[in-house]
C-alpha atoms as a PDB file:
ATOM      1  CA  UNK A   1      16.984   6.285  10.684  1.00  0.00           C
ATOM      2  CA  UNK A   2      15.095   4.920   7.321  1.00  0.00           C
ATOM      3  CA  UNK A   3      11.800   3.533   8.340  1.00  0.00           C
ATOM      4  CA  UNK A   4       8.378   2.609   7.387  1.00  0.00           C
ATOM      5  CA  UNK A   5       5.805   1.576   9.656  1.00  0.00           C
ATOM      6  CA  UNK A   6       2.550   0.276   8.234  1.00  0.00           C
ATOM      7  CA  UNK A   7      -0.946  -0.026  10.530  1.00  0.00           C
ATOM      8  CA  UNK A   8      -4.203  -0.137  11.112  1.00  0.00           C
ATOM      9  CA  UNK A   9      -4.879  -3.913  10.007  1.00  0.00           C
ATOM     10  CA  UNK A  10      -7.370  -5.693  12.298  1.00  0.00           C
ATOM     11  CA  UNK A  11     -10.312  -8.275  12.112  1.00  0.00           C
ATOM     12  CA  UNK A  12     -13.864  -7.268  10.274  1.00  0.00           C
ATOM     13  CA  UNK A  13     -16.333  -8.979   8.754  1.00  0.00           C
ATOM     14  CA  UNK A  14     -17.177  -8.829   5.093  1.00  0.00           C
ATOM     15  CA  UNK A  15     -18.729  -5.659   3.787  1.00  0.00           C
ATOM     16  CA  UNK A  16     -16.746  -3.925   6.236  1.00  0.00           C
ATOM     17  CA  UNK A  17     -13.970  -1.159   6.066  1.00  0.00           C
ATOM     18  CA  UNK A  18     -10.388  -0.324   7.093  1.00  0.00           C
ATOM     19  CA  UNK A  19      -8.148   2.118   6.924  1.00  0.00           C
ATOM     20  CA  UNK A  20      -4.143   1.649   6.504  1.00  0.00           C
ATOM     21  CA  UNK A  21      -1.312   3.685   6.887  1.00  0.00           C
ATOM     22  CA  UNK A  22       1.694   3.510   6.094  1.00  0.00           C
ATOM     23  CA  UNK A  23       4.199   6.410   7.945  1.00  0.00           C
ATOM     24  CA  UNK A  24       7.457   7.121   6.361  1.00  0.00           C
ATOM     25  CA  UNK A  25      10.616   8.504   8.074  1.00  0.00           C
ATOM     26  CA  UNK A  26      14.289   8.786   7.797  1.00  0.00           C
ATOM     27  CA  UNK A  27      14.490   9.471   3.533  1.00  0.00           C
ATOM     28  CA  UNK A  28      12.813  12.166   1.262  1.00  0.00           C
ATOM     29  CA  UNK A  29       9.074  11.245   1.295  1.00  0.00           C
ATOM     30  CA  UNK A  30       8.739  13.397  -2.114  1.00  0.00           C
ATOM     31  CA  UNK A  31      11.278  11.231  -3.534  1.00  0.00           C
ATOM     32  CA  UNK A  32       9.365   7.852  -3.244  1.00  0.00           C
ATOM     33  CA  UNK A  33       6.471   5.958  -4.755  1.00  0.00           C
ATOM     34  CA  UNK A  34       4.372   4.086  -1.872  1.00  0.00           C
ATOM     35  CA  UNK A  35       3.264   0.787  -2.579  1.00  0.00           C
ATOM     36  CA  UNK A  36       0.728  -1.183  -1.154  1.00  0.00           C
ATOM     37  CA  UNK A  37       1.399  -4.914  -1.192  1.00  0.00           C
ATOM     38  CA  UNK A  38      -0.155  -7.881   0.200  1.00  0.00           C
ATOM     39  CA  UNK A  39       1.006 -11.636   1.304  1.00  0.00           C
ATOM     40  CA  UNK A  40      -0.902 -14.834   1.910  1.00  0.00           C
ATOM     41  CA  UNK A  41       1.511 -17.434   2.892  1.00  0.00           C
ATOM     42  CA  UNK A  42       3.207 -19.357   0.665  1.00  0.00           C
ATOM     43  CA  UNK A  43       1.725 -17.265  -2.204  1.00  0.00           C
ATOM     44  CA  UNK A  44       3.823 -14.430  -3.661  1.00  0.00           C
ATOM     45  CA  UNK A  45       3.578 -10.905  -2.689  1.00  0.00           C
ATOM     46  CA  UNK A  46       1.227  -9.090  -4.897  1.00  0.00           C
ATOM     47  CA  UNK A  47       0.845  -5.607  -5.726  1.00  0.00           C
ATOM     48  CA  UNK A  48      -2.335  -3.819  -4.366  1.00  0.00           C
ATOM     49  CA  UNK A  49      -2.352   0.009  -5.122  1.00  0.00           C
ATOM     50  CA  UNK A  50       0.262   2.903  -5.590  1.00  0.00           C
ATOM     51  CA  UNK A  51       0.622   6.358  -5.057  1.00  0.00           C
ATOM     52  CA  UNK A  52       3.279   8.597  -6.760  1.00  0.00           C
ATOM     53  CA  UNK A  53       4.489  11.662  -5.032  1.00  0.00           C
ATOM     54  CA  UNK A  54       6.248  12.923  -8.233  1.00  0.00           C
ATOM     55  CA  UNK A  55       2.992  13.463 -10.228  1.00  0.00           C
ATOM     56  CA  UNK A  56       0.470  12.127  -7.858  1.00  0.00           C
ATOM     57  CA  UNK A  57      -0.986   9.437 -10.162  1.00  0.00           C
ATOM     58  CA  UNK A  58      -2.239   6.057  -8.254  1.00  0.00           C
ATOM     59  CA  UNK A  59      -2.790   2.424  -9.514  1.00  0.00           C
ATOM     60  CA  UNK A  60      -5.281  -0.197  -8.162  1.00  0.00           C
ATOM     61  CA  UNK A  61      -5.183  -3.543  -8.828  1.00  0.00           C
ATOM     62  CA  UNK A  62      -8.157  -5.111 -10.888  1.00  0.00           C
ATOM     63  CA  UNK A  63      -9.444  -6.772  -7.585  1.00  0.00           C
ATOM     64  CA  UNK A  64      -9.340  -3.758  -5.740  1.00  0.00           C
ATOM     65  CA  UNK A  65     -10.715  -1.035  -8.155  1.00  0.00           C
ATOM     66  CA  UNK A  66     -13.663   0.700  -6.586  1.00  0.00           C
ATOM     67  CA  UNK A  67     -13.134  -0.585  -2.963  1.00  0.00           C
ATOM     68  CA  UNK A  68      -9.921   0.443  -1.992  1.00  0.00           C
ATOM     69  CA  UNK A  69      -8.614   4.615  -2.324  1.00  0.00           C
ATOM     70  CA  UNK A  70      -4.868   5.413  -1.537  1.00  0.00           C
ATOM     71  CA  UNK A  71      -4.345   9.024  -0.814  1.00  0.00           C
ATOM     72  CA  UNK A  72      -1.492  10.924   0.918  1.00  0.00           C
ATOM     73  CA  UNK A  73      -1.050  13.367   4.059  1.00  0.00           C
ATOM     74  CA  UNK A  74       2.063  15.070   3.119  1.00  0.00           C
ATOM     75  CA  UNK A  75       2.562  17.037   6.319  1.00  0.00           C
ATOM     76  CA  UNK A  76       2.580  13.669   8.171  1.00  0.00           C
ATOM     77  CA  UNK A  77       4.989  11.609   5.538  1.00  0.00           C
ATOM     78  CA  UNK A  78       1.748   8.988   5.358  1.00  0.00           C
ATOM     79  CA  UNK A  79       0.500   7.178   2.994  1.00  0.00           C
ATOM     80  CA  UNK A  80      -3.167   5.603   3.347  1.00  0.00           C
ATOM     81  CA  UNK A  81      -4.804   2.850   2.008  1.00  0.00           C
ATOM     82  CA  UNK A  82      -8.618   3.095   2.461  1.00  0.00           C
ATOM     83  CA  UNK A  83     -10.205  -0.254   2.046  1.00  0.00           C
ATOM     84  CA  UNK A  84     -14.036  -0.733   1.423  1.00  0.00           C
ATOM     85  CA  UNK A  85     -16.564  -3.691   1.337  1.00  0.00           C
ATOM     86  CA  UNK A  86     -13.829  -5.894   2.472  1.00  0.00           C
ATOM     87  CA  UNK A  87     -14.248  -9.448   0.759  1.00  0.00           C
ATOM     88  CA  UNK A  88     -12.484 -12.889   2.424  1.00  0.00           C
ATOM     89  CA  UNK A  89     -10.197 -12.970  -0.505  1.00  0.00           C
ATOM     90  CA  UNK A  90      -8.360  -9.369   0.920  1.00  0.00           C
ATOM     91  CA  UNK A  91      -7.148 -11.328   4.139  1.00  0.00           C
ATOM     92  CA  UNK A  92      -3.314 -10.908   4.236  1.00  0.00           C
ATOM     93  CA  UNK A  93      -0.581  -9.182   5.589  1.00  0.00           C
ATOM     94  CA  UNK A  94      -0.291  -6.015   3.876  1.00  0.00           C
ATOM     95  CA  UNK A  95       2.995  -3.964   3.467  1.00  0.00           C
ATOM     96  CA  UNK A  96       3.821  -0.510   2.228  1.00  0.00           C
ATOM     97  CA  UNK A  97       7.037  -0.132   0.102  1.00  0.00           C
ATOM     98  CA  UNK A  98       8.936   2.881  -0.893  1.00  0.00           C
ATOM     99  CA  UNK A  99      10.303   3.183  -4.500  1.00  0.00           C
ATOM    100  CA  UNK A 100      12.518   5.657  -6.542  1.00  0.00           C
ATOM    101  CA  UNK A 101      12.390   3.889  -9.593  1.00  0.00           C
ATOM    102  CA  UNK A 102       8.264   3.849  -9.663  1.00  0.00           C
ATOM    103  CA  UNK A 103       8.321   7.303  -8.671  1.00  0.00           C
ATOM    104  CA  UNK A 104      10.218   8.642 -11.608  1.00  0.00           C
ATOM    105  CA  UNK A 105       7.625   6.910 -13.924  1.00  0.00           C
ATOM    106  CA  UNK A 106       4.605   7.548 -11.993  1.00  0.00           C
ATOM    107  CA  UNK A 107       2.284   4.626 -10.251  1.00  0.00           C
ATOM    108  CA  UNK A 108      -0.129   5.660 -13.483  1.00  0.00           C
ATOM    109  CA  UNK A 109       2.352   4.095 -15.812  1.00  0.00           C
ATOM    110  CA  UNK A 110       4.018   1.712 -13.750  1.00  0.00           C
ATOM    111  CA  UNK A 111       1.623   0.397 -11.419  1.00  0.00           C
ATOM    112  CA  UNK A 112       2.711  -1.485  -8.381  1.00  0.00           C
ATOM    113  CA  UNK A 113       5.966  -2.569 -10.484  1.00  0.00           C
ATOM    114  CA  UNK A 114       8.218  -5.623  -9.237  1.00  0.00           C
ATOM    115  CA  UNK A 115       8.869  -5.982  -5.627  1.00  0.00           C
ATOM    116  CA  UNK A 116      12.921  -5.499  -6.660  1.00  0.00           C
ATOM    117  CA  UNK A 117      12.089  -2.042  -7.476  1.00  0.00           C
ATOM    118  CA  UNK A 118      11.351  -0.925  -3.739  1.00  0.00           C
ATOM    119  CA  UNK A 119      14.503   0.282  -1.842  1.00  0.00           C
ATOM    120  CA  UNK A 120      11.968   0.486   1.558  1.00  0.00           C
ATOM    121  CA  UNK A 121       9.789  -2.123   3.121  1.00  0.00           C
ATOM    122  CA  UNK A 122       7.387  -1.870   6.579  1.00  0.00           C
ATOM    123  CA  UNK A 123       6.759  -4.858   8.480  1.00  0.00           C
ATOM    124  CA  UNK A 124       3.511  -5.341   7.276  1.00  0.00           C
ATOM    125  CA  UNK A 125      -0.039  -5.080   9.247  1.00  0.00           C
ATOM    126  CA  UNK A 126      -2.824  -8.008   9.601  1.00  0.00           C
ATOM    127  CA  UNK A 127      -6.288  -8.050   8.143  1.00  0.00           C
ATOM    128  CA  UNK A 128      -8.244 -10.617   8.406  1.00  0.00           C
ATOM    129  CA  UNK A 129     -11.719 -10.842   6.947  1.00  0.00           C
ATOM    130  CA  UNK A 130     -14.601 -13.351   8.107  1.00  0.00           C
ATOM    131  CA  UNK A 131     -16.759 -14.751   6.019  1.00  0.00           C
END
């Protein structure tokens, strides 16, 4: 069974930190790039970060550069998103997703790319940042 499980969200004050986890199972982890997306109700889901297992490259949206950091634990088939200095505008449901196509090019080239290129999606975890 293919599964992506996002976890680690919660309620924090502005300036605080959270670490999100994306645990993958049921598919070959090394064949996929893992992207993090976030969505606010009524707005389009936007790419936040990406890690490609093919070449180890990463991507960060301009809005989170210098604050967020993506990493991978291959032994656990898990990708993490460390979020520091959180801002109220970071409030959203955060989703992790896996893409073979993005992994082919690498996140350093493709960024998060379009949602249509992601094969599997987790359920999402809510991050709420209070002012």
